[in-house]
Structures are given as structure tokens and as C-alpha cells.
């Protein structure tokens, strides 16, 4: 039963979301906040397992709040679900890069929100590996064309990974699931999980989505050329 904090600068939105979550016997709302600064205080006091995080907020926005949470060892087990009306690729990728585990639009069906909270709490991905790859590839293709050099990134160099880890990283970035990885590399799913966990530890990734972003930003995987 996940404990949840709702973070949104609009009281009406918070109230509506709280009503949806309160109706789910498997979810408990333990706090609310109207901006990122207040959110960090509420989260420290209540220690939720899931945070529903708005992006556009005064004082401290959801992306920077997510980054602060994921950089703090006290909150290592907290999962962030970004809730936004701003579903453009750039906002979503920025939230995933900051450490969010997934996102859901405010226009989603009411039953989708508690379902997403439970999924995030259980460690499930809201975006499939292939969908994550497509989203990140599309965004990075546009951003590089605008103002970014290919291969530019702030993470640790690829040389910190073993040859096998780079092989696993590339396949993860190309949308392979753990089962597909195991079959392709002729290793057990448990070994795949071990490799992925080691990669995440070495590059400082909070979630699988950051692994995919790292693969593209490090230059290991190059976005496909536009079709047409």
C-alpha cells in the first residue's frame, strides 16, 4: 500500500487527485504541497513511497525538485511520477533525466492515476522500453539539431563500463527487455539484471530511463535519421 504525496500548485487539481487516490483502498495520501520548496519539506516529514509531481510550479519546479530528491540518499527509495499537462518531449525527457520513474498526463482517465501510482510503487515501467527509446530518440534528435553537439553529456565516460556492460547498455537503449536481452546474449535474466544494476550504479542512474538517456548522450547509440 503506497503512501503518496501530491505536489501541484493548483489546489483544485490537488483536491481532485486526492479524491481519486482516497477512493483506492491500496493508496494512502500522506501529504500535499503547492510548490517544490514546500514539497521537499513535506516529503522529509512524511517519507512517502511515491510522489505525484507537477512540472510547472513557483519557487522550485517539478524537474528541479525531482533532481533534488533523487540526489538525496534519504529519499533513495522514493519513486516520482510526473503529472503534467505539458506532455512535450522536452519536459518528459527532462523529468526522466532528473530521476522520475514515469509520467502521466492530467488528461488521463481518472482510473489511470491510482493505477499508475501502484505500478510505479511496484517497480513497473509506465513506458515500455521501446516507447522510452522512441521518446528519447525523438527529443535528442531535435535538441542536437538545435544546439547540442553529438555525444555531449555530463555523465561518466563510457570507459568506466566493461565491454559486456556497454553491450548490455546499447541493447537496453535500443528497446530490448531483460528477457530479450537474455535470449540475444545467451545469458540468464538474472545475469542481465545484475549487469543493468551495475550500469545504473556506475553512471548514477536512478531508473532505467536514465540508462537509455545516457546511452544516447554518451554517443554509444546514435538517433536514427528522420524518415521521409
Protein backbone atom coordinates (compact mmCIF):
# COMPACT_ATOMS: atom_id res chain seq x y z
CA UNK A 1 0.00 0.00 0.00
CA UNK A 2 1.96 3.07 -1.19
CA UNK A 3 1.98 6.30 0.81
CA UNK A 4 1.72 9.26 -1.56
CA UNK A 5 2.46 12.98 -1.52
CA UNK A 6 0.70 15.13 -4.13
CA UNK A 7 2.65 18.16 -5.40
CA UNK A 8 0.79 20.70 -7.57
CA UNK A 9 0.43 24.47 -7.40
CA UNK A 10 -3.32 24.36 -8.12
CA UNK A 11 -5.44 23.48 -5.05
CA UNK A 12 -8.31 22.30 -7.25
CA UNK A 13 -6.04 19.82 -9.04
CA UNK A 14 -4.64 18.57 -5.73
CA UNK A 15 -8.14 18.11 -4.35
CA UNK A 16 -9.31 16.21 -7.43
CA UNK A 17 -6.29 13.90 -7.40
CA UNK A 18 -6.63 13.31 -3.68
CA UNK A 19 -10.25 12.30 -4.19
CA UNK A 20 -9.21 9.75 -6.82
CA UNK A 21 -6.46 8.31 -4.64
CA UNK A 22 -8.54 8.29 -1.45
CA UNK A 23 -11.08 6.13 -3.27
CA UNK A 24 -8.41 3.47 -3.84
CA UNK A 25 -8.01 1.22 -0.77
CA UNK A 26 -4.44 0.40 -1.79
CA UNK A 27 -3.22 4.02 -1.75
CA UNK A 28 -2.81 6.42 1.19
CA UNK A 29 -2.28 10.16 0.68
CA UNK A 30 0.00 11.38 3.47
CA UNK A 31 0.63 14.95 2.36
CA UNK A 32 0.25 17.73 -0.18
CA UNK A 33 2.43 20.62 -1.36
CA UNK A 34 1.93 23.63 -3.62
CA UNK A 35 5.49 24.02 -4.89
CA UNK A 36 8.86 22.30 -4.87
CA UNK A 37 10.20 24.03 -1.76
CA UNK A 38 7.16 23.01 0.27
CA UNK A 39 7.29 19.55 -1.30
CA UNK A 40 10.79 18.85 -0.02
CA UNK A 41 9.68 19.80 3.50
CA UNK A 42 6.52 17.66 3.34
CA UNK A 43 8.41 14.70 1.87
CA UNK A 44 11.07 14.88 4.58
CA UNK A 45 8.34 14.86 7.24
CA UNK A 46 6.14 12.11 5.78
CA UNK A 47 8.60 9.86 3.89
CA UNK A 48 6.16 8.72 1.17
CA UNK A 49 6.92 5.92 -1.25
CA UNK A 50 5.52 7.74 -4.30
CA UNK A 51 5.41 11.45 -5.15
CA UNK A 52 2.97 12.74 -7.76
CA UNK A 53 4.89 15.73 -9.12
CA UNK A 54 3.65 18.65 -11.21
CA UNK A 55 6.24 20.29 -13.51
CA UNK A 56 5.30 23.98 -13.72
CA UNK A 57 5.32 25.43 -10.18
CA UNK A 58 6.55 28.63 -8.50
CA UNK A 59 9.79 28.85 -6.47
CA UNK A 60 11.02 25.36 -7.41
CA UNK A 61 9.63 23.47 -10.40
CA UNK A 62 8.97 19.75 -10.57
CA UNK A 63 12.06 18.88 -12.59
CA UNK A 64 14.45 20.55 -10.14
CA UNK A 65 12.51 19.13 -7.19
CA UNK A 66 12.78 15.64 -8.67
CA UNK A 67 16.51 16.11 -9.18
CA UNK A 68 16.92 17.23 -5.56
CA UNK A 69 15.01 14.19 -4.29
CA UNK A 70 16.98 11.73 -6.39
CA UNK A 71 20.29 13.27 -5.33
CA UNK A 72 19.46 12.88 -1.62
CA UNK A 73 20.29 9.46 -0.13
CA UNK A 74 17.50 9.89 2.43
CA UNK A 75 14.97 9.62 -0.38
CA UNK A 76 16.62 6.87 -2.42
CA UNK A 77 13.55 4.62 -2.30
CA UNK A 78 11.02 7.28 -3.29
CA UNK A 79 9.56 6.97 -6.79
CA UNK A 80 8.50 10.10 -8.67
CA UNK A 81 5.54 10.07 -11.03
CA UNK A 82 5.36 13.28 -13.05
CA UNK A 83 1.83 14.59 -13.53
CA UNK A 84 1.61 17.27 -16.19
CA UNK A 85 -0.39 18.99 -18.88
CA UNK A 86 2.94 19.72 -20.58
CA UNK A 87 3.49 16.47 -22.44
CA UNK A 88 6.04 17.79 -24.93
CA UNK A 89 9.06 15.57 -25.37
CA UNK A 90 11.45 18.04 -23.78
CA UNK A 91 9.62 18.23 -20.46
CA UNK A 92 9.18 14.47 -20.27
CA UNK A 93 12.82 13.72 -21.06
CA UNK A 94 14.00 16.38 -18.60
CA UNK A 95 11.87 14.78 -15.88
CA UNK A 96 13.17 11.30 -16.71
CA UNK A 97 16.73 12.61 -16.79
CA UNK A 98 16.19 14.15 -13.35
CA UNK A 99 15.21 10.74 -11.98
CA UNK A 100 11.45 10.39 -12.46
CA UNK A 101 10.21 6.84 -12.88
CA UNK A 102 7.44 7.78 -15.30
CA UNK A 103 4.84 10.36 -16.22
CA UNK A 104 1.12 10.65 -16.76
CA UNK A 105 -0.88 13.48 -18.31
CA UNK A 106 -3.55 15.34 -16.37
CA UNK A 107 -5.90 14.44 -19.19
CA UNK A 108 -5.63 10.74 -18.37
CA UNK A 109 -8.70 8.73 -17.42
CA UNK A 110 -9.43 9.01 -13.66
CA UNK A 111 -8.73 5.33 -13.00
CA UNK A 112 -5.33 5.64 -14.70
CA UNK A 113 -3.85 7.78 -11.92
CA UNK A 114 -4.14 5.33 -8.99
CA UNK A 115 -3.17 2.54 -11.37
CA UNK A 116 -0.01 4.47 -12.33
CA UNK A 117 0.82 5.11 -8.66
CA UNK A 118 0.56 1.40 -7.89
CA UNK A 119 2.65 0.50 -10.94
CA UNK A 120 5.41 2.95 -10.02
CA UNK A 121 5.38 1.69 -6.43
CA UNK A 122 5.73 -1.90 -7.63
CA UNK A 123 8.73 -1.01 -9.78
CA UNK A 124 6.92 -1.39 -13.09
CA UNK A 125 7.68 0.87 -16.04
CA UNK A 126 4.87 3.10 -17.30
CA UNK A 127 6.71 3.44 -20.61
CA UNK A 128 7.76 0.29 -22.42
CA UNK A 129 11.46 0.05 -23.36
CA UNK A 130 10.57 0.68 -27.00
CA UNK A 131 8.40 3.69 -26.15
CA UNK A 132 11.13 5.12 -23.91
CA UNK A 133 13.64 4.74 -26.72
CA UNK A 134 11.35 6.39 -29.29
CA UNK A 135 10.60 9.32 -26.98
CA UNK A 136 14.24 9.95 -26.07
CA UNK A 137 15.49 9.48 -29.63
CA UNK A 138 12.97 11.96 -30.99
CA UNK A 139 13.81 14.55 -28.35
CA UNK A 140 17.59 14.21 -28.62
CA UNK A 141 17.46 14.37 -32.41
CA UNK A 142 15.65 17.72 -32.20
CA UNK A 143 17.79 19.13 -29.37
CA UNK A 144 21.07 18.20 -31.05
CA UNK A 145 19.95 19.73 -34.30
CA UNK A 146 19.20 22.93 -32.42
CA UNK A 147 22.11 23.47 -30.06
CA UNK A 148 23.85 20.30 -28.90
CA UNK A 149 26.91 18.52 -30.21
CA UNK A 150 26.51 14.75 -30.73
CA UNK A 151 27.99 12.81 -27.84
CA UNK A 152 27.96 15.75 -25.44
CA UNK A 153 26.96 14.68 -21.93
CA UNK A 154 27.83 15.25 -18.30
CA UNK A 155 27.87 11.65 -17.09
CA UNK A 156 30.89 9.41 -16.51
CA UNK A 157 32.79 8.29 -19.64
CA UNK A 158 31.89 5.05 -21.39
CA UNK A 159 35.31 3.69 -20.43
CA UNK A 160 34.04 3.22 -16.88
CA UNK A 161 31.91 0.35 -18.22
CA UNK A 162 33.20 -3.08 -19.19
CA UNK A 163 32.80 -4.31 -22.76
CA UNK A 164 29.90 -6.53 -21.70
CA UNK A 165 28.22 -3.66 -19.85
CA UNK A 166 28.49 -1.45 -22.94
CA UNK A 167 26.92 -4.24 -24.97
CA UNK A 168 24.05 -4.53 -22.49
CA UNK A 169 23.68 -0.74 -22.35
CA UNK A 170 23.35 -0.49 -26.12
CA UNK A 171 20.66 -3.17 -26.23
CA UNK A 172 18.73 -1.55 -23.37
CA UNK A 173 18.85 1.75 -25.26
CA UNK A 174 17.55 0.03 -28.39
CA UNK A 175 14.44 -1.03 -26.50
CA UNK A 176 15.23 -4.61 -25.53
CA UNK A 177 13.52 -6.00 -22.45
CA UNK A 178 15.50 -8.08 -19.95
CA UNK A 179 14.04 -11.28 -21.41
CA UNK A 180 15.02 -10.24 -24.94
CA UNK A 181 18.48 -9.29 -23.73
CA UNK A 182 18.94 -12.67 -22.07
CA UNK A 183 17.94 -14.52 -25.24
CA UNK A 184 20.12 -12.35 -27.51
CA UNK A 185 23.24 -12.60 -25.32
CA UNK A 186 22.56 -16.21 -24.26
CA UNK A 187 22.72 -15.41 -20.56
CA UNK A 188 20.18 -15.72 -17.76
CA UNK A 189 17.66 -12.95 -16.98
CA UNK A 190 19.25 -12.73 -13.52
CA UNK A 191 22.64 -12.02 -15.10
CA UNK A 192 21.05 -9.35 -17.28
CA UNK A 193 19.52 -7.73 -14.21
CA UNK A 194 22.92 -7.78 -12.49
CA UNK A 195 24.56 -6.07 -15.49
CA UNK A 196 21.81 -3.42 -15.65
CA UNK A 197 22.08 -2.73 -11.92
CA UNK A 198 25.86 -2.35 -12.21
CA UNK A 199 25.48 0.03 -15.14
CA UNK A 200 22.97 2.11 -13.17
CA UNK A 201 25.34 2.26 -10.19
CA UNK A 202 28.32 3.29 -12.33
CA UNK A 203 26.54 6.06 -14.21
CA UNK A 204 24.46 7.23 -11.26
CA UNK A 205 21.11 6.32 -12.83
CA UNK A 206 18.04 6.31 -10.60
CA UNK A 207 15.88 4.46 -13.09
CA UNK A 208 16.09 2.58 -16.39
CA UNK A 209 15.04 5.66 -18.35
CA UNK A 210 18.26 7.42 -17.33
CA UNK A 211 20.22 4.43 -18.66
CA UNK A 212 18.65 4.97 -22.09
CA UNK A 213 19.31 8.72 -22.00
CA UNK A 214 22.95 8.09 -21.05
CA UNK A 215 23.44 5.72 -23.98
CA UNK A 216 22.31 8.38 -26.43
CA UNK A 217 24.02 11.34 -24.80
CA UNK A 218 27.33 9.45 -24.47
CA UNK A 219 27.26 8.74 -28.21
CA UNK A 220 27.08 4.95 -27.78
CA UNK A 221 23.77 4.95 -29.64
CA UNK A 222 23.05 7.44 -32.42
CA UNK A 223 19.47 8.52 -33.17
CA UNK A 224 18.08 7.11 -36.38
CA UNK A 225 17.87 9.54 -39.30
CA UNK A 226 14.43 11.06 -39.86
CA UNK A 227 12.17 9.08 -42.15
CA UNK A 228 10.81 10.52 -45.37
